């Protein structure tokens, strides 16, 4: 009913009656013995009879209505669709016994959504995807994992990630994502986390992070056209870092792509999974042989990193370790589990990422606890924030926003300049060709004893200034800070991450942070020094084209 205007039978009948009307009207108008009043009456009578009889507006019957009236014709067609849809829903409401049309529309949308999910699940089931088990028993399996982790001192709290705004005004906003997040394993201090990261082994639970799976024959071409790294040509088992960008080349998220035999797994940030899923799903056209599914709630994800990470993971029975930029099936004690082992842990330190279905998460965690020694420190999201801030890993919502591009964030290793077109590709090409990167992500240290800052929280979001020729000018801002002072060779400092404009990132560059006072105004400036970050890649030689031989 909503598309009756474009239906062939209705248009055919409309055209036939329009032709008949034109013939009769012409005959009447050319009859010499017929008065003018009778001619007008004949025209009005025929047009009214035809319009009322077929319940169609006059503009819909005329083949030339769209081109003749322009926007007015479009408005008429929209009004007609709304009217016909309302009549259809009213008739259906009477048959279904529903209270109003809105209830029917909601029911129809729910039925359509249910059928779409059934079709996606059936396709994954038939394809024997390694991620299929993530969709079964998710809630209970996640709860069992969290209960087991509470026995080891896990502090679990519920966190809500807001749904993104709809792409168009007439679309309905999706539901917020609620996940159980481990903030920490008490008692673990910041110093213990940094020491384990630099000289021991660190086990981070990031099971609340996001995960998308893309299936279908066109999955390689589809994902390659949306991210910064090369996807076409990859083989099952390959792993690549990649960024997803806005249309003007600003960073939406930093992700990890794992190629499976029948799908591509996209591991993403917890506060960006809904945005990415909405963007990817909106770009799938009816004839595209590709499907996208959000499996975040069905994943268990553990990062093992540090100098002794390989020693720890090698203690797990029958576990095969993958090579650089590769993954291997997750096998424990001769039993094939529904998951993967990925080389790399999302930072500059050596490590591995274990991804498994929620159903296998508890078993995997128990095995990790069995082989973990005293040198292993368990952390949650809070501990991971410490690690990534010290290492200089940009985070979505802090360093990765629509104000910065991946080259400024030190993510050259995720960008391929030879792969061809993708969303944001033109901006990346211009930045490389014309040396357009004007600011970079750096660490800034503020000495505790001379900075005049009581705590690091006061530095978050502060504007950065540099003095040249006796004048101060703005050179950037602070995006992340460590909650406690960091011990360095220069003494105790407040360690921060921030963007600094080009030309001011030498080791001995002195800059100032302008703090806000209690009334919201600016107070005196605090002196800091720019430092390098281990994770960053900043040259073409470090780009994705040269990263993998």
Protein backbone atom coordinates (compact mmCIF):
# COMPACT_ATOMS: atom_id res chain seq x y z
CA UNK A 1 0.00 0.00 0.00
CA UNK A 2 2.89 2.36 0.78
CA UNK A 3 4.21 1.94 -2.78
CA UNK A 4 0.94 1.88 -4.68
CA UNK A 5 2.10 4.91 -6.66
CA UNK A 6 4.91 2.91 -8.26
CA UNK A 7 2.85 -0.25 -8.75
CA UNK A 8 2.53 -1.27 -12.42
CA UNK A 9 -1.21 -2.16 -12.43
CA UNK A 10 -2.20 1.13 -10.81
CA UNK A 11 -0.07 3.17 -13.19
CA UNK A 12 -1.37 1.18 -16.15
CA UNK A 13 -5.01 1.88 -15.23
CA UNK A 14 -4.15 5.53 -14.59
CA UNK A 15 -2.54 5.89 -18.00
CA UNK A 16 -5.48 4.22 -19.76
CA UNK A 17 -8.04 6.47 -18.09
CA UNK A 18 -5.90 9.54 -18.67
CA UNK A 19 -5.79 8.73 -22.39
CA UNK A 20 -9.55 8.07 -22.46
CA UNK A 21 -10.25 11.30 -20.63
CA UNK A 22 -8.04 13.27 -23.02
CA UNK A 23 -9.82 11.79 -26.03
CA UNK A 24 -13.31 12.54 -24.66
CA UNK A 25 -12.31 16.01 -23.52
CA UNK A 26 -10.85 16.81 -26.95
CA UNK A 27 -14.01 15.57 -28.67
CA UNK A 28 -16.19 17.70 -26.42
CA UNK A 29 -14.08 20.80 -26.84
CA UNK A 30 -14.17 20.48 -30.64
CA UNK A 31 -17.96 19.98 -30.87
CA UNK A 32 -19.31 23.21 -32.39
CA UNK A 33 -22.90 22.85 -31.11
CA UNK A 34 -21.85 22.41 -27.46
CA UNK A 35 -21.86 25.44 -25.17
CA UNK A 36 -18.78 26.51 -23.17
CA UNK A 37 -20.52 25.77 -19.89
CA UNK A 38 -21.33 22.23 -21.03
CA UNK A 39 -17.76 21.68 -22.15
CA UNK A 40 -16.36 22.76 -18.74
CA UNK A 41 -18.96 20.67 -16.95
CA UNK A 42 -17.98 17.61 -19.00
CA UNK A 43 -14.30 18.06 -18.19
CA UNK A 44 -14.96 18.51 -14.45
CA UNK A 45 -17.36 15.58 -14.33
CA UNK A 46 -14.94 13.17 -16.01
CA UNK A 47 -11.92 14.26 -13.96
CA UNK A 48 -13.85 14.08 -10.67
CA UNK A 49 -15.32 10.66 -11.50
CA UNK A 50 -11.95 9.23 -12.44
CA UNK A 51 -10.13 10.68 -9.40
CA UNK A 52 -12.76 9.56 -6.89
CA UNK A 53 -13.26 6.19 -8.52
CA UNK A 54 -9.62 5.17 -8.29
CA UNK A 55 -8.81 7.25 -5.21
CA UNK A 56 -5.71 8.73 -6.90
CA UNK A 57 -4.65 12.38 -7.01
CA UNK A 58 -4.83 14.10 -10.36
CA UNK A 59 -1.01 14.47 -10.49
CA UNK A 60 -0.54 10.68 -10.13
CA UNK A 61 -2.68 9.92 -13.17
CA UNK A 62 -0.91 12.31 -15.51
CA UNK A 63 2.31 10.70 -16.81
CA UNK A 64 3.95 14.11 -16.99
CA UNK A 65 3.00 15.24 -13.46
CA UNK A 66 6.46 14.74 -11.89
CA UNK A 67 8.29 16.86 -14.45
CA UNK A 68 5.52 19.40 -14.79
CA UNK A 69 5.01 20.39 -11.18
CA UNK A 70 8.47 19.59 -9.74
CA UNK A 71 8.62 19.80 -5.98
CA UNK A 72 4.84 20.17 -5.75
CA UNK A 73 4.44 16.79 -7.49
CA UNK A 74 6.90 15.19 -5.05
CA UNK A 75 4.95 16.61 -2.15
CA UNK A 76 1.72 15.17 -3.52
CA UNK A 77 3.29 11.77 -3.93
CA UNK A 78 4.64 11.81 -0.39
CA UNK A 79 1.25 12.81 0.98
CA UNK A 80 -0.38 10.02 -1.02
CA UNK A 81 2.05 7.42 0.30
CA UNK A 82 1.41 8.54 3.88
CA UNK A 83 -2.35 8.47 3.33
CA UNK A 84 -2.33 5.01 1.74
CA UNK A 85 -0.02 3.66 4.41
CA UNK A 86 -2.34 5.03 7.09
CA UNK A 87 -5.38 3.37 5.50
CA UNK A 88 -3.50 0.10 5.21
CA UNK A 89 -2.42 0.18 8.85
CA UNK A 90 -5.94 1.12 9.94
CA UNK A 91 -7.39 -1.85 8.08
CA UNK A 92 -4.74 -4.11 9.51
CA UNK A 93 -5.37 -2.74 13.00
CA UNK A 94 -9.05 -3.60 12.69
CA UNK A 95 -8.20 -7.15 11.66
CA UNK A 96 -5.50 -7.59 14.35
CA UNK A 97 -7.53 -5.91 17.07
CA UNK A 98 -4.76 -3.37 17.70
CA UNK A 99 -5.51 -0.14 19.49
CA UNK A 100 -3.99 2.23 16.94
CA UNK A 101 -1.90 2.50 13.81
CA UNK A 102 1.29 3.17 15.80
CA UNK A 103 0.98 -0.18 17.50
CA UNK A 104 0.66 -1.91 14.13
CA UNK A 105 3.69 -0.10 12.73
CA UNK A 106 5.71 -1.09 15.81
CA UNK A 107 4.57 -4.70 15.44
CA UNK A 108 5.47 -4.79 11.76
CA UNK A 109 8.91 -3.33 12.48
CA UNK A 110 9.51 -5.89 15.21
CA UNK A 111 8.48 -8.73 12.90
CA UNK A 112 10.76 -7.46 10.14
CA UNK A 113 13.66 -7.08 12.57
CA UNK A 114 13.08 -10.60 13.90
CA UNK A 115 13.02 -12.09 10.42
CA UNK A 116 16.22 -10.24 9.48
CA UNK A 117 18.02 -11.53 12.57
CA UNK A 118 16.81 -15.08 11.91
CA UNK A 119 18.14 -14.87 8.36
CA UNK A 120 21.53 -13.58 9.54
CA UNK A 121 21.80 -16.27 12.20
CA UNK A 122 20.82 -18.99 9.74
CA UNK A 123 23.44 -17.82 7.27
CA UNK A 124 26.11 -17.89 9.97
CA UNK A 125 24.95 -21.33 11.09
CA UNK A 126 25.08 -22.73 7.54
CA UNK A 127 28.50 -21.20 6.92
CA UNK A 128 29.91 -22.91 10.03
CA UNK A 129 31.43 -19.59 11.13
CA UNK A 130 33.81 -19.65 14.05
CA UNK A 131 31.86 -16.80 15.61
CA UNK A 132 28.45 -18.51 15.50
CA UNK A 133 28.59 -19.68 19.13
CA UNK A 134 28.84 -16.06 20.25
CA UNK A 135 25.14 -15.67 19.57
CA UNK A 136 23.98 -18.47 21.86
CA UNK A 137 23.67 -18.29 25.64
CA UNK A 138 25.34 -14.89 25.71
CA UNK A 139 23.87 -13.43 28.90
CA UNK A 140 24.28 -16.50 31.07
CA UNK A 141 27.79 -17.19 29.77
CA UNK A 142 28.95 -13.63 30.45
CA UNK A 143 27.52 -13.78 33.96
CA UNK A 144 29.35 -17.04 34.66
CA UNK A 145 32.61 -15.44 33.48
CA UNK A 146 32.12 -12.39 35.69
CA UNK A 147 31.29 -14.53 38.73
CA UNK A 148 34.51 -16.49 38.26
CA UNK A 149 36.49 -13.25 37.92
CA UNK A 150 34.97 -11.86 41.11
CA UNK A 151 36.67 -14.72 42.95
CA UNK A 152 39.98 -13.19 41.89
CA UNK A 153 39.12 -9.70 43.14
CA UNK A 154 37.44 -8.24 40.07
CA UNK A 155 35.45 -5.04 40.60
CA UNK A 156 32.56 -5.36 38.15
CA UNK A 157 30.24 -2.46 37.34
CA UNK A 158 27.59 -1.83 34.70
CA UNK A 159 28.44 0.78 32.06
CA UNK A 160 26.14 2.36 29.48
CA UNK A 161 27.39 3.39 26.04
CA UNK A 162 24.93 5.81 24.34
CA UNK A 163 23.56 4.92 20.94
CA UNK A 164 24.64 7.22 18.08
CA UNK A 165 22.27 9.71 16.55
CA UNK A 166 20.34 8.35 13.54
CA UNK A 167 21.80 9.02 10.12
CA UNK A 168 18.53 10.65 9.04
CA UNK A 169 15.87 12.49 10.99
CA UNK A 170 13.05 10.08 10.14
CA UNK A 171 15.05 7.10 11.48
CA UNK A 172 14.53 5.84 14.99
CA UNK A 173 17.44 6.06 17.41
CA UNK A 174 18.79 2.68 18.50
CA UNK A 175 19.10 1.34 22.02
CA UNK A 176 22.01 2.18 24.30
CA UNK A 177 24.53 -0.57 24.91
CA UNK A 178 24.87 -1.79 28.50
CA UNK A 179 27.88 -3.94 29.42
CA UNK A 180 29.48 -5.30 32.59
CA UNK A 181 32.93 -3.75 32.85
CA UNK A 182 35.80 -4.81 35.10
CA UNK A 183 37.36 -1.60 36.33
CA UNK A 184 40.17 -3.24 38.31
CA UNK A 185 41.41 -6.29 40.20
CA UNK A 186 41.99 -5.04 43.75
CA UNK A 187 44.44 -4.38 45.16
CA UNK A 188 46.58 -3.28 42.18
CA UNK A 189 48.35 0.07 42.14
CA UNK A 190 49.47 2.16 39.17
CA UNK A 191 53.11 1.37 39.94
CA UNK A 192 52.43 -2.38 39.87
CA UNK A 193 50.68 -2.07 36.51
CA UNK A 194 53.56 -0.12 34.95
CA UNK A 195 56.17 -2.49 36.41
CA UNK A 196 54.36 -5.56 35.03
CA UNK A 197 54.03 -3.87 31.67
CA UNK A 198 57.75 -3.03 31.50
CA UNK A 199 59.33 -6.10 33.10
CA UNK A 200 56.69 -8.78 33.71
CA UNK A 201 53.37 -9.87 32.23
CA UNK A 202 50.03 -8.09 32.25
CA UNK A 203 46.64 -9.75 31.76
CA UNK A 204 43.89 -7.30 30.80
CA UNK A 205 40.22 -8.26 30.57
CA UNK A 206 38.58 -6.23 27.77
CA UNK A 207 35.54 -8.45 27.24
CA UNK A 208 33.28 -5.38 27.25
CA UNK A 209 34.91 -4.04 24.08
CA UNK A 210 33.16 -4.25 20.73
CA UNK A 211 33.18 -6.82 17.96
CA UNK A 212 31.59 -6.92 14.50
CA UNK A 213 31.62 -9.77 12.00
CA UNK A 214 31.19 -9.23 8.24
CA UNK A 215 30.22 -12.19 6.04
CA UNK A 216 29.33 -12.73 2.40
CA UNK A 217 31.12 -12.97 -0.93
CA UNK A 218 31.75 -9.22 -1.14
CA UNK A 219 33.14 -8.87 2.41
CA UNK A 220 36.74 -8.12 1.32
CA UNK A 221 35.76 -5.35 -1.08
CA UNK A 222 33.16 -3.96 1.33
CA UNK A 223 35.48 -3.66 4.34
CA UNK A 224 38.38 -2.44 2.21
CA UNK A 225 36.27 0.47 0.98
CA UNK A 226 35.60 1.63 4.53
CA UNK A 227 38.94 1.37 6.37
CA UNK A 228 42.47 2.72 5.91
CA UNK A 229 44.38 -0.56 5.54
CA UNK A 230 44.48 -3.01 2.65
CA UNK A 231 41.95 -5.86 2.96
CA UNK A 232 41.56 -7.19 -0.59
CA UNK A 233 44.16 -9.90 -1.07
CA UNK A 234 44.39 -10.94 2.56
CA UNK A 235 44.13 -14.64 3.39
CA UNK A 236 42.44 -16.44 6.30
CA UNK A 237 44.62 -16.00 9.37
CA UNK A 238 45.89 -12.51 8.46
CA UNK A 239 45.54 -9.73 11.05
CA UNK A 240 45.81 -6.00 10.32
CA UNK A 241 45.31 -2.75 12.26
CA UNK A 242 43.00 -0.28 10.55
CA UNK A 243 41.19 2.97 11.19
CA UNK A 244 37.65 3.87 10.19
CA UNK A 245 37.29 7.50 9.13
CA UNK A 246 34.65 10.10 8.52
CA UNK A 247 34.12 11.39 4.99
CA UNK A 248 36.58 14.25 5.67
CA UNK A 249 39.29 11.93 7.00
CA UNK A 250 38.80 12.34 10.76
CA UNK A 251 39.21 9.28 12.99
CA UNK A 252 36.17 7.35 14.17
CA UNK A 253 38.00 4.39 15.70
CA UNK A 254 41.19 2.33 15.73
CA UNK A 255 40.35 -1.33 15.09
CA UNK A 256 41.93 -4.74 14.51
CA UNK A 257 40.83 -6.83 11.50
CA UNK A 258 41.11 -10.62 11.69
CA UNK A 259 40.39 -12.54 8.48
CA UNK A 260 38.59 -15.88 8.91
CA UNK A 261 37.72 -18.51 6.32
CA UNK A 262 34.18 -17.20 5.86
CA UNK A 263 34.13 -13.78 7.52
CA UNK A 264 36.11 -10.78 8.76
CA UNK A 265 36.17 -10.02 12.48
CA UNK A 266 36.44 -6.34 13.45
CA UNK A 267 37.59 -5.72 17.03
CA UNK A 268 36.72 -2.15 18.02
CA UNK A 269 36.41 0.19 21.00
CA UNK A 270 33.47 -0.21 23.42
CA UNK A 271 32.18 3.32 22.81
CA UNK A 272 32.37 3.07 19.01
CA UNK A 273 30.86 -0.32 18.18
CA UNK A 274 27.31 1.03 17.83
CA UNK A 275 28.53 3.87 15.60
CA UNK A 276 30.53 1.53 13.37
CA UNK A 277 27.69 -0.97 13.09
CA UNK A 278 25.25 1.80 12.12
CA UNK A 279 27.65 3.17 9.50
CA UNK A 280 28.46 -0.23 8.01
CA UNK A 281 24.87 -1.43 7.98
CA UNK A 282 23.71 1.78 6.25
CA UNK A 283 26.20 1.24 3.41
CA UNK A 284 24.97 -2.26 2.56
CA UNK A 285 22.80 -2.11 -0.55
CA UNK A 286 20.16 -4.74 -1.43
CA UNK A 287 22.29 -6.40 -4.12
CA UNK A 288 25.46 -6.47 -2.03
CA UNK A 289 26.46 -9.98 -1.01
CA UNK A 290 27.54 -8.98 2.47
CA UNK A 291 26.09 -9.04 5.98
CA UNK A 292 27.20 -7.26 9.14
CA UNK A 293 26.44 -8.47 12.66
CA UNK A 294 27.19 -7.00 16.09
CA UNK A 295 28.54 -9.80 18.31
CA UNK A 296 29.95 -7.61 21.09
CA UNK A 297 27.81 -9.13 23.83
CA UNK A 298 28.94 -12.62 22.84
CA UNK A 299 32.70 -12.09 23.03
CA UNK A 300 35.29 -12.68 25.75
CA UNK A 301 38.54 -10.82 25.09
CA UNK A 302 41.84 -10.95 26.98
CA UNK A 303 45.09 -9.09 26.25
CA UNK A 304 48.39 -10.58 27.47
CA UNK A 305 51.30 -8.17 27.14
CA UNK A 306 54.76 -7.48 28.49
CA UNK A 307 58.25 -9.05 28.21
CA UNK A 308 57.04 -12.30 29.81
CA UNK A 309 53.76 -12.53 27.87
CA UNK A 310 54.99 -15.26 25.52
CA UNK A 311 56.34 -17.26 28.46
CA UNK A 312 52.92 -17.10 30.12
CA UNK A 313 50.87 -18.04 27.09
CA UNK A 314 53.23 -20.89 26.15
CA UNK A 315 52.28 -22.62 29.41
CA UNK A 316 48.76 -23.19 28.11
CA UNK A 317 48.38 -26.73 26.81
CA UNK A 318 48.36 -27.28 23.02
CA UNK A 319 48.06 -23.55 22.31
CA UNK A 320 49.66 -22.64 18.98
CA UNK A 321 51.20 -19.17 18.87
CA UNK A 322 50.77 -17.24 15.59
CA UNK A 323 53.48 -15.25 13.83
CA UNK A 324 53.52 -11.49 13.19
CA UNK A 325 50.25 -10.12 11.80
CA UNK A 326 48.69 -13.57 11.98
CA UNK A 327 46.10 -15.46 14.03
CA UNK A 328 45.60 -19.11 14.89
CA UNK A 329 42.63 -21.15 16.15
CA UNK A 330 42.23 -21.27 19.92
CA UNK A 331 42.97 -24.81 21.11
CA UNK A 332 43.26 -25.74 24.79
CA UNK A 333 44.30 -29.16 26.05
CA UNK A 334 43.51 -30.74 22.69
CA UNK A 335 40.01 -29.24 22.55
CA UNK A 336 39.21 -26.78 19.81
CA UNK A 337 37.52 -23.73 21.32
CA UNK A 338 35.40 -21.18 19.54
CA UNK A 339 37.98 -18.42 19.33
CA UNK A 340 41.26 -17.05 18.03
CA UNK A 341 44.77 -16.17 19.19
CA UNK A 342 45.97 -12.90 17.61
CA UNK A 343 49.57 -11.78 17.59
CA UNK A 344 49.80 -8.34 19.20
CA UNK A 345 48.01 -6.79 22.16
CA UNK A 346 47.14 -3.31 20.91
CA UNK A 347 50.32 -1.58 22.13
CA UNK A 348 54.04 -1.37 21.38
CA UNK A 349 54.96 -4.15 23.81
CA UNK A 350 55.03 -7.79 22.71
CA UNK A 351 51.85 -9.68 23.45
CA UNK A 352 48.81 -11.60 22.28
CA UNK A 353 45.05 -11.14 22.17
CA UNK A 354 42.75 -14.05 23.00
CA UNK A 355 39.23 -13.79 21.57
CA UNK A 356 36.63 -16.42 22.40
CA UNK A 357 32.88 -16.79 22.57
CA UNK A 358 31.23 -15.96 25.86
CA UNK A 359 30.44 -19.63 26.27
CA UNK A 360 34.16 -20.47 26.34
CA UNK A 361 35.18 -17.39 28.30
CA UNK A 362 35.00 -18.99 31.74
CA UNK A 363 37.07 -22.00 30.66
CA UNK A 364 39.67 -19.73 29.08
CA UNK A 365 39.90 -17.55 32.18
CA UNK A 366 40.32 -20.57 34.46
CA UNK A 367 43.17 -21.79 32.27
CA UNK A 368 44.84 -18.38 32.37
CA UNK A 369 44.61 -18.32 36.15
CA UNK A 370 46.11 -21.83 36.31
CA UNK A 371 49.23 -20.88 34.36
CA UNK A 372 49.62 -17.36 35.76
CA UNK A 373 52.59 -16.86 38.05
CA UNK A 374 53.35 -14.14 40.61
CA UNK A 375 54.78 -11.92 37.88
CA UNK A 376 51.35 -11.69 36.20
CA UNK A 377 49.18 -8.70 37.14
CA UNK A 378 45.47 -8.77 36.25
CA UNK A 379 43.82 -5.49 35.29
CA UNK A 380 40.55 -4.19 33.89
CA UNK A 381 39.64 -1.03 32.03
CA UNK A 382 41.36 1.25 34.58
CA UNK A 383 44.64 -0.64 34.32
CA UNK A 384 44.43 -0.65 30.53
CA UNK A 385 44.02 3.14 30.58
CA UNK A 386 47.29 3.36 32.50
CA UNK A 387 49.08 1.13 29.98
CA UNK A 388 47.82 2.88 26.89
CA UNK A 389 48.50 6.38 28.30
CA UNK A 390 52.11 5.47 29.15
CA UNK A 391 52.58 3.77 25.78
CA UNK A 392 50.86 6.55 23.81
CA UNK A 393 48.02 4.47 22.34
CA UNK A 394 45.24 6.86 21.21
CA UNK A 395 41.75 6.07 22.50
CA UNK A 396 38.37 6.69 20.92
CA UNK A 397 36.71 9.70 22.52
CA UNK A 398 40.01 11.12 23.79
CA UNK A 399 42.69 11.27 21.08
CA UNK A 400 40.52 9.76 18.35
CA UNK A 401 37.72 12.21 17.63
CA UNK A 402 36.32 14.07 14.66
CA UNK A 403 38.88 16.82 15.36
CA UNK A 404 41.94 14.73 14.47
CA UNK A 405 43.07 12.42 11.68
CA UNK A 406 45.05 9.16 12.13
CA UNK A 407 48.31 10.66 10.84
CA UNK A 408 48.22 13.29 13.56
CA UNK A 409 47.55 10.54 16.12
CA UNK A 410 50.71 8.69 15.09
CA UNK A 411 48.84 5.88 13.31
CA UNK A 412 50.74 5.81 10.00
CA UNK A 413 51.10 2.05 10.45
CA UNK A 414 47.34 1.66 9.91
CA UNK A 415 47.15 3.62 6.64
CA UNK A 416 47.83 2.24 3.17
CA UNK A 417 48.47 4.92 0.54
CA UNK A 418 48.44 2.46 -2.39
CA UNK A 419 45.23 0.48 -1.76
CA UNK A 420 42.81 2.69 -3.69
CA UNK A 421 39.58 4.39 -2.72
CA UNK A 422 37.96 4.30 0.71
CA UNK A 423 36.04 6.74 2.87
CA UNK A 424 38.43 9.56 3.81
CA UNK A 425 41.11 8.46 1.29
CA UNK A 426 41.35 11.84 -0.43
CA UNK A 427 42.18 13.57 2.84
CA UNK A 428 44.90 11.03 3.64
CA UNK A 429 46.43 11.43 0.17
CA UNK A 430 46.52 15.23 0.43
CA UNK A 431 48.11 15.10 3.89
CA UNK A 432 50.88 12.86 2.56
CA UNK A 433 51.43 14.67 -0.76
CA UNK A 434 51.51 18.21 0.62
CA UNK A 435 53.03 17.39 4.03
CA UNK A 436 49.80 18.57 5.61
CA UNK A 437 50.21 17.12 9.11
CA UNK A 438 50.40 20.26 11.25
CA UNK A 439 50.16 18.71 14.72
CA UNK A 440 51.11 15.42 16.37
CA UNK A 441 50.30 13.40 19.45
CA UNK A 442 53.03 13.54 22.10
CA UNK A 443 53.56 12.92 25.80
CA UNK A 444 53.89 16.02 27.99
CA UNK A 445 55.56 15.81 31.41
CA UNK A 446 54.85 18.31 34.17
CA UNK A 447 57.27 17.99 37.14
CA UNK A 448 55.39 17.44 40.36
CA UNK A 449 57.67 19.59 42.49
CA UNK A 450 57.69 22.63 40.21
CA UNK A 451 54.51 22.48 38.14
CA UNK A 452 52.33 23.96 40.87
CA UNK A 453 49.63 21.39 40.10
CA UNK A 454 48.05 19.56 43.03
CA UNK A 455 46.85 16.60 40.94
CA UNK A 456 46.80 15.44 37.34
CA UNK A 457 43.02 15.79 36.95
CA UNK A 458 43.43 19.55 36.78
CA UNK A 459 45.52 19.14 33.63
CA UNK A 460 42.93 17.20 31.62
CA UNK A 461 41.64 19.32 28.75
CA UNK A 462 44.04 22.19 29.46
CA UNK A 463 45.19 24.35 26.56
CA UNK A 464 48.90 24.31 25.68
CA UNK A 465 50.92 27.43 24.89
CA UNK A 466 54.49 28.15 23.77
CA UNK A 467 56.44 31.39 23.94
CA UNK A 468 58.15 32.76 20.86
CA UNK A 469 59.76 36.16 20.69
CA UNK A 470 58.16 37.06 23.98
CA UNK A 471 54.65 36.21 22.85
CA UNK A 472 52.56 33.20 23.83
CA UNK A 473 50.58 31.34 21.21
CA UNK A 474 48.28 28.33 21.42
CA UNK A 475 49.92 25.09 20.25
CA UNK A 476 47.50 22.34 21.33
CA UNK A 477 45.62 20.73 24.20
CA UNK A 478 45.86 17.82 26.66
CA UNK A 479 43.66 14.80 25.93
CA UNK A 480 44.59 12.16 28.58
CA UNK A 481 46.41 12.06 31.92
CA UNK A 482 47.64 9.44 34.35
CA UNK A 483 45.75 9.60 37.65
CA UNK A 484 48.96 9.44 39.74
CA UNK A 485 52.50 10.81 39.27
CA UNK A 486 54.88 8.77 37.15
CA UNK A 487 58.46 7.98 38.23
CA UNK A 488 60.94 8.83 35.46
CA UNK A 489 64.64 9.58 35.15
CA UNK A 490 63.72 13.25 35.55
CA UNK A 491 61.91 12.58 38.82
CA UNK A 492 58.19 12.45 39.54
CA UNK A 493 56.06 13.93 36.78
CA UNK A 494 52.42 14.18 35.77
CA UNK A 495 52.30 12.19 32.52
CA UNK A 496 49.86 13.49 29.89
CA UNK A 497 49.00 12.91 26.24
CA UNK A 498 48.21 15.85 24.02
CA UNK A 499 48.35 17.26 20.51
CA UNK A 500 51.16 19.75 19.85
CA UNK A 501 51.58 21.73 16.63
CA UNK A 502 54.49 20.84 14.36
CA UNK A 503 57.91 22.33 15.02
CA UNK A 504 57.50 22.26 18.81
CA UNK A 505 57.96 18.54 19.45
CA UNK A 506 61.68 18.44 20.13
CA UNK A 507 62.79 16.83 23.36
CA UNK A 508 63.78 20.08 25.07
CA UNK A 509 60.77 22.10 24.00
CA UNK A 510 59.15 23.89 26.92
CA UNK A 511 55.43 24.54 26.80
CA UNK A 512 52.86 25.76 29.28
CA UNK A 513 49.45 24.44 30.28
CA UNK A 514 46.83 27.03 31.11
CA UNK A 515 44.57 25.77 33.88
CA UNK A 516 41.08 26.98 34.67
CA UNK A 517 40.34 28.40 38.11
CA UNK A 518 37.32 27.64 40.27
CA UNK A 519 35.25 30.31 38.51
CA UNK A 520 35.95 28.90 35.04
CA UNK A 521 38.45 31.57 34.08
CA UNK A 522 42.12 31.04 33.20
CA UNK A 523 44.73 30.92 35.94
CA UNK A 524 48.52 30.94 35.82
CA UNK A 525 50.36 28.64 33.42
CA UNK A 526 52.25 25.47 34.40
CA UNK A 527 55.54 24.54 32.73
CA UNK A 528 55.91 21.17 30.98
CA UNK A 529 58.23 19.34 28.59
CA UNK A 530 57.37 17.39 25.40
CA UNK A 531 58.38 13.72 25.29
CA UNK A 532 58.12 10.95 22.69
CA UNK A 533 55.65 8.04 22.88
CA UNK A 534 56.63 4.43 21.99
CA UNK A 535 53.47 3.48 20.11
CA UNK A 536 53.50 6.26 17.52
CA UNK A 537 54.52 5.83 13.86
CA UNK A 538 55.10 9.10 12.00
CA UNK A 539 56.68 8.48 8.56
CA UNK A 540 55.75 7.00 5.19
CA UNK A 541 58.34 4.27 5.75
CA UNK A 542 56.28 3.17 8.77
CA UNK A 543 52.98 3.11 6.86
CA UNK A 544 50.94 -0.03 6.29
CA UNK A 545 52.39 -0.43 2.77
CA UNK A 546 55.86 -1.05 4.24
CA UNK A 547 54.84 -2.63 7.54
CA UNK A 548 54.24 -6.18 6.24
CA UNK A 549 56.67 -7.70 3.76
